[in-house]
C-alpha atoms as a PDB file:
ATOM      1  CA  UNK A   1      -0.001  -0.006   0.032  1.00  0.00           C
ATOM      2  CA  UNK A   2       1.474   3.441  -0.944  1.00  0.00           C
ATOM      3  CA  UNK A   3       0.889   6.519   1.046  1.00  0.00           C
ATOM      4  CA  UNK A   4       2.076  10.022   0.096  1.00  0.00           C
ATOM      5  CA  UNK A   5       4.719  11.427   2.424  1.00  0.00           C
ATOM      6  CA  UNK A   6       4.266  15.172   2.309  1.00  0.00           C
ATOM      7  CA  UNK A   7       1.828  16.477   4.830  1.00  0.00           C
ATOM      8  CA  UNK A   8      -0.534  19.361   4.765  1.00  0.00           C
ATOM      9  CA  UNK A   9      -0.577  21.693   7.747  1.00  0.00           C
ATOM     10  CA  UNK A  10      -3.732  20.144   9.253  1.00  0.00           C
ATOM     11  CA  UNK A  11      -2.177  16.717   8.970  1.00  0.00           C
ATOM     12  CA  UNK A  12       1.032  17.872  10.592  1.00  0.00           C
ATOM     13  CA  UNK A  13      -0.930  19.554  13.416  1.00  0.00           C
ATOM     14  CA  UNK A  14      -2.947  16.479  13.950  1.00  0.00           C
ATOM     15  CA  UNK A  15       0.138  14.200  13.941  1.00  0.00           C
ATOM     16  CA  UNK A  16       2.274  16.323  16.296  1.00  0.00           C
ATOM     17  CA  UNK A  17      -0.376  16.562  18.899  1.00  0.00           C
ATOM     18  CA  UNK A  18      -0.800  12.792  19.076  1.00  0.00           C
ATOM     19  CA  UNK A  19       2.266  11.976  21.167  1.00  0.00           C
ATOM     20  CA  UNK A  20       2.515  15.276  23.130  1.00  0.00           C
ATOM     21  CA  UNK A  21       3.688  14.370  26.593  1.00  0.00           C
ATOM     22  CA  UNK A  22       1.172  14.769  29.462  1.00  0.00           C
ATOM     23  CA  UNK A  23       3.535  17.170  31.241  1.00  0.00           C
ATOM     24  CA  UNK A  24       3.648  19.506  28.233  1.00  0.00           C
ATOM     25  CA  UNK A  25       1.672  22.345  29.935  1.00  0.00           C
ATOM     26  CA  UNK A  26       3.413  21.924  33.270  1.00  0.00           C
ATOM     27  CA  UNK A  27       6.838  22.455  31.449  1.00  0.00           C
ATOM     28  CA  UNK A  28       5.404  25.354  29.569  1.00  0.00           C
ATOM     29  CA  UNK A  29       4.134  26.928  32.916  1.00  0.00           C
ATOM     30  CA  UNK A  30       7.649  26.393  34.529  1.00  0.00           C
ATOM     31  CA  UNK A  31       9.523  27.854  31.620  1.00  0.00           C
ATOM     32  CA  UNK A  32       7.273  30.914  31.564  1.00  0.00           C
ATOM     33  CA  UNK A  33       6.935  31.390  35.381  1.00  0.00           C
ATOM     34  CA  UNK A  34       7.837  35.024  35.221  1.00  0.00           C
ATOM     35  CA  UNK A  35       4.814  35.759  32.982  1.00  0.00           C
ATOM     36  CA  UNK A  36       2.468  33.826  35.160  1.00  0.00           C
ATOM     37  CA  UNK A  37       3.646  35.813  38.170  1.00  0.00           C
ATOM     38  CA  UNK A  38       3.224  39.164  36.247  1.00  0.00           C
ATOM     39  CA  UNK A  39      -0.248  37.906  35.181  1.00  0.00           C
ATOM     40  CA  UNK A  40      -1.160  36.880  38.647  1.00  0.00           C
ATOM     41  CA  UNK A  41      -0.218  40.279  40.149  1.00  0.00           C
ATOM     42  CA  UNK A  42      -2.061  42.058  37.540  1.00  0.00           C
ATOM     43  CA  UNK A  43      -5.226  39.913  38.138  1.00  0.00           C
ATOM     44  CA  UNK A  44      -4.832  40.440  41.868  1.00  0.00           C
ATOM     45  CA  UNK A  45      -4.598  44.336  41.482  1.00  0.00           C
ATOM     46  CA  UNK A  46      -7.612  44.406  39.288  1.00  0.00           C
ATOM     47  CA  UNK A  47      -9.662  42.349  41.634  1.00  0.00           C
ATOM     48  CA  UNK A  48      -8.667  44.589  44.547  1.00  0.00           C
ATOM     49  CA  UNK A  49      -9.508  47.809  42.449  1.00  0.00           C
ATOM     50  CA  UNK A  50     -12.809  46.347  41.300  1.00  0.00           C
ATOM     51  CA  UNK A  51     -13.703  45.366  44.937  1.00  0.00           C
ATOM     52  CA  UNK A  52     -13.054  48.916  46.027  1.00  0.00           C
ATOM     53  CA  UNK A  53     -10.494  48.107  48.726  1.00  0.00           C
ATOM     54  CA  UNK A  54      -8.126  50.722  47.161  1.00  0.00           C
ATOM     55  CA  UNK A  55      -8.418  53.758  45.147  1.00  0.00           C
ATOM     56  CA  UNK A  56      -7.369  52.547  41.627  1.00  0.00           C
ATOM     57  CA  UNK A  57      -5.578  54.325  38.933  1.00  0.00           C
ATOM     58  CA  UNK A  58      -7.692  52.871  36.100  1.00  0.00           C
ATOM     59  CA  UNK A  59      -5.556  54.563  33.395  1.00  0.00           C
ATOM     60  CA  UNK A  60      -2.412  52.806  34.716  1.00  0.00           C
ATOM     61  CA  UNK A  61      -4.103  49.500  35.209  1.00  0.00           C
ATOM     62  CA  UNK A  62      -5.524  49.598  31.535  1.00  0.00           C
ATOM     63  CA  UNK A  63      -2.117  50.329  30.336  1.00  0.00           C
ATOM     64  CA  UNK A  64      -0.559  47.292  32.212  1.00  0.00           C
ATOM     65  CA  UNK A  65      -3.362  45.101  30.733  1.00  0.00           C
ATOM     66  CA  UNK A  66      -2.631  46.416  27.255  1.00  0.00           C
ATOM     67  CA  UNK A  67       1.231  45.975  27.700  1.00  0.00           C
ATOM     68  CA  UNK A  68       1.033  42.561  29.063  1.00  0.00           C
ATOM     69  CA  UNK A  69      -1.733  41.413  26.607  1.00  0.00           C
ATOM     70  CA  UNK A  70       0.532  42.701  23.794  1.00  0.00           C
ATOM     71  CA  UNK A  71       3.539  40.800  25.039  1.00  0.00           C
ATOM     72  CA  UNK A  72       1.480  37.522  25.297  1.00  0.00           C
ATOM     73  CA  UNK A  73       0.104  37.944  21.867  1.00  0.00           C
ATOM     74  CA  UNK A  74       3.610  38.527  20.413  1.00  0.00           C
ATOM     75  CA  UNK A  75       5.026  35.666  22.311  1.00  0.00           C
ATOM     76  CA  UNK A  76       2.188  33.260  21.024  1.00  0.00           C
ATOM     77  CA  UNK A  77       2.556  34.611  17.469  1.00  0.00           C
ATOM     78  CA  UNK A  78       6.465  34.201  17.484  1.00  0.00           C
ATOM     79  CA  UNK A  79       6.156  30.702  19.101  1.00  0.00           C
ATOM     80  CA  UNK A  80       3.738  29.538  16.683  1.00  0.00           C
ATOM     81  CA  UNK A  81       5.466  31.080  13.573  1.00  0.00           C
ATOM     82  CA  UNK A  82       8.708  29.416  14.800  1.00  0.00           C
ATOM     83  CA  UNK A  83       7.060  26.102  15.178  1.00  0.00           C
ATOM     84  CA  UNK A  84       5.393  26.458  11.656  1.00  0.00           C
ATOM     85  CA  UNK A  85       8.748  27.111   9.967  1.00  0.00           C
ATOM     86  CA  UNK A  86      10.412  24.096  11.864  1.00  0.00           C
ATOM     87  CA  UNK A  87       7.396  21.901  10.681  1.00  0.00           C
ATOM     88  CA  UNK A  88       7.547  23.254   7.169  1.00  0.00           C
ATOM     89  CA  UNK A  89      11.308  22.593   7.124  1.00  0.00           C
ATOM     90  CA  UNK A  90      10.704  19.044   8.391  1.00  0.00           C
ATOM     91  CA  UNK A  91       7.969  18.483   5.900  1.00  0.00           C
ATOM     92  CA  UNK A  92      10.233  19.409   2.982  1.00  0.00           C
ATOM     93  CA  UNK A  93      12.679  16.499   4.185  1.00  0.00           C
ATOM     94  CA  UNK A  94      10.034  13.931   4.318  1.00  0.00           C
ATOM     95  CA  UNK A  95       9.753  10.971   1.978  1.00  0.00           C
ATOM     96  CA  UNK A  96       7.814  11.502  -1.173  1.00  0.00           C
ATOM     97  CA  UNK A  97       5.863   8.326  -0.682  1.00  0.00           C
ATOM     98  CA  UNK A  98       5.660   5.617   2.132  1.00  0.00           C
ATOM     99  CA  UNK A  99       5.307   1.946   0.999  1.00  0.00           C
ATOM    100  CA  UNK A 100       3.623  -0.135   3.736  1.00  0.00           C
ATOM    101  CA  UNK A 101       4.903  -3.601   3.631  1.00  0.00           C
ATOM    102  CA  UNK A 102       4.534  -6.627   5.837  1.00  0.00           C
ATOM    103  CA  UNK A 103       8.112  -6.105   7.207  1.00  0.00           C
ATOM    104  CA  UNK A 104       8.031  -2.380   7.883  1.00  0.00           C
ATOM    105  CA  UNK A 105       7.679   0.982   6.310  1.00  0.00           C
ATOM    106  CA  UNK A 106       9.742   2.024   3.258  1.00  0.00           C
ATOM    107  CA  UNK A 107      10.223   5.695   2.448  1.00  0.00           C
ATOM    108  CA  UNK A 108      11.135   6.941  -1.004  1.00  0.00           C
ATOM    109  CA  UNK A 109      12.236  10.477  -1.535  1.00  0.00           C
ATOM    110  CA  UNK A 110      11.546  12.317  -4.929  1.00  0.00           C
ATOM    111  CA  UNK A 111      15.378  12.283  -5.508  1.00  0.00           C
ATOM    112  CA  UNK A 112      15.319   8.411  -5.440  1.00  0.00           C
ATOM    113  CA  UNK A 113      16.826   8.065  -1.976  1.00  0.00           C
ATOM    114  CA  UNK A 114      15.124   5.346   0.159  1.00  0.00           C
ATOM    115  CA  UNK A 115      14.912   4.370   3.817  1.00  0.00           C
ATOM    116  CA  UNK A 116      13.395   1.381   5.591  1.00  0.00           C
ATOM    117  CA  UNK A 117      12.046   0.973   9.127  1.00  0.00           C
ATOM    118  CA  UNK A 118      11.119  -2.423  10.370  1.00  0.00           C
ATOM    119  CA  UNK A 119       8.009  -2.874  12.391  1.00  0.00           C
ATOM    120  CA  UNK A 120      10.307  -3.675  15.415  1.00  0.00           C
ATOM    121  CA  UNK A 121      11.576   0.004  15.303  1.00  0.00           C
ATOM    122  CA  UNK A 122       8.092   1.212  16.485  1.00  0.00           C
ATOM    123  CA  UNK A 123       6.908   0.977  20.043  1.00  0.00           C
ATOM    124  CA  UNK A 124       3.472   2.705  19.784  1.00  0.00           C
ATOM    125  CA  UNK A 125       0.985   4.106  17.356  1.00  0.00           C
ATOM    126  CA  UNK A 126      -2.151   6.333  17.521  1.00  0.00           C
ATOM    127  CA  UNK A 127      -4.760   7.303  14.994  1.00  0.00           C
ATOM    128  CA  UNK A 128      -5.623  10.927  14.721  1.00  0.00           C
ATOM    129  CA  UNK A 129      -8.419  12.511  12.766  1.00  0.00           C
ATOM    130  CA  UNK A 130      -6.563  12.441   9.488  1.00  0.00           C
ATOM    131  CA  UNK A 131      -3.261  10.662  10.274  1.00  0.00           C
ATOM    132  CA  UNK A 132      -1.606   7.652  11.776  1.00  0.00           C
ATOM    133  CA  UNK A 133       1.350   8.476  14.054  1.00  0.00           C
ATOM    134  CA  UNK A 134       4.044   5.887  14.678  1.00  0.00           C
ATOM    135  CA  UNK A 135       6.275   6.370  17.685  1.00  0.00           C
ATOM    136  CA  UNK A 136       9.710   4.751  17.461  1.00  0.00           C
ATOM    137  CA  UNK A 137      11.711   3.407  20.400  1.00  0.00           C
ATOM    138  CA  UNK A 138      13.953   6.549  20.280  1.00  0.00           C
ATOM    139  CA  UNK A 139      11.013   8.859  20.379  1.00  0.00           C
ATOM    140  CA  UNK A 140      10.873  10.000  16.802  1.00  0.00           C
ATOM    141  CA  UNK A 141       7.389  10.128  15.214  1.00  0.00           C
ATOM    142  CA  UNK A 142       6.514   8.958  11.730  1.00  0.00           C
ATOM    143  CA  UNK A 143       3.206  10.473  10.421  1.00  0.00           C
ATOM    144  CA  UNK A 144       1.221   8.689   7.738  1.00  0.00           C
ATOM    145  CA  UNK A 145      -1.607  10.746   6.159  1.00  0.00           C
ATOM    146  CA  UNK A 146      -4.825   8.916   5.491  1.00  0.00           C
ATOM    147  CA  UNK A 147      -6.058  11.248   2.686  1.00  0.00           C
ATOM    148  CA  UNK A 148      -6.527   9.252  -0.426  1.00  0.00           C
ATOM    149  CA  UNK A 149      -6.904   5.976   1.186  1.00  0.00           C
ATOM    150  CA  UNK A 150     -10.265   4.105   1.026  1.00  0.00           C
ATOM    151  CA  UNK A 151     -12.063   2.805   4.218  1.00  0.00           C
ATOM    152  CA  UNK A 152     -10.948  -0.693   3.476  1.00  0.00           C
ATOM    153  CA  UNK A 153      -7.394   0.348   3.119  1.00  0.00           C
ATOM    154  CA  UNK A 154      -7.455   2.266   6.324  1.00  0.00           C
ATOM    155  CA  UNK A 155      -9.043  -0.872   8.093  1.00  0.00           C
ATOM    156  CA  UNK A 156      -6.200  -2.926   6.525  1.00  0.00           C
ATOM    157  CA  UNK A 157      -3.631  -0.522   7.750  1.00  0.00           C
ATOM    158  CA  UNK A 158      -5.041  -0.584  11.235  1.00  0.00           C
ATOM    159  CA  UNK A 159      -5.041  -4.373  11.370  1.00  0.00           C
ATOM    160  CA  UNK A 160      -1.391  -4.416  10.069  1.00  0.00           C
ATOM    161  CA  UNK A 161      -0.393  -1.878  12.709  1.00  0.00           C
ATOM    162  CA  UNK A 162      -2.226  -3.946  15.396  1.00  0.00           C
ATOM    163  CA  UNK A 163      -0.438  -7.169  14.398  1.00  0.00           C
ATOM    164  CA  UNK A 164       2.914  -5.664  13.874  1.00  0.00           C
ATOM    165  CA  UNK A 165       3.181  -3.052  16.688  1.00  0.00           C
ATOM    166  CA  UNK A 166       0.207  -3.812  19.089  1.00  0.00           C
ATOM    167  CA  UNK A 167      -2.953  -2.064  20.137  1.00  0.00           C
ATOM    168  CA  UNK A 168      -2.888   1.635  19.728  1.00  0.00           C
ATOM    169  CA  UNK A 169      -1.747   3.648  22.848  1.00  0.00           C
END
């Protein structure tokens, strides 16, 4: 069974999210602790001002919300664009097609170069909305798009993955 190797942005997004560690958001919060502290202080100051415990300088408080909100939006935009560029670069290096065989997955680049990953390389797999993601024992993820496959081919691929790798994780 042949599957195209190049991924659309929606397929990349679907595949990358399948094996995201459960501690992802905890690590994100630890890395960005200073932003969370500033946001906490700002929320506290706003609540105190709204409750009327202190006379508030609403102009200054509004400016702080505007500045911190702008910083947050810029950080999110830069993070997403950096991730998008990295994924686009990775996508350019992917195989042109994948050949699913009883002994493993063969990748063939448009330049003619090829690679082979036996089923024993993979430790887990998951099905997303539009892709299958295969996780190797080293942690690398191979994403196989389902676009262009019939329902019977998808069921056959699922059966092959179950028999070769095990049940989806």
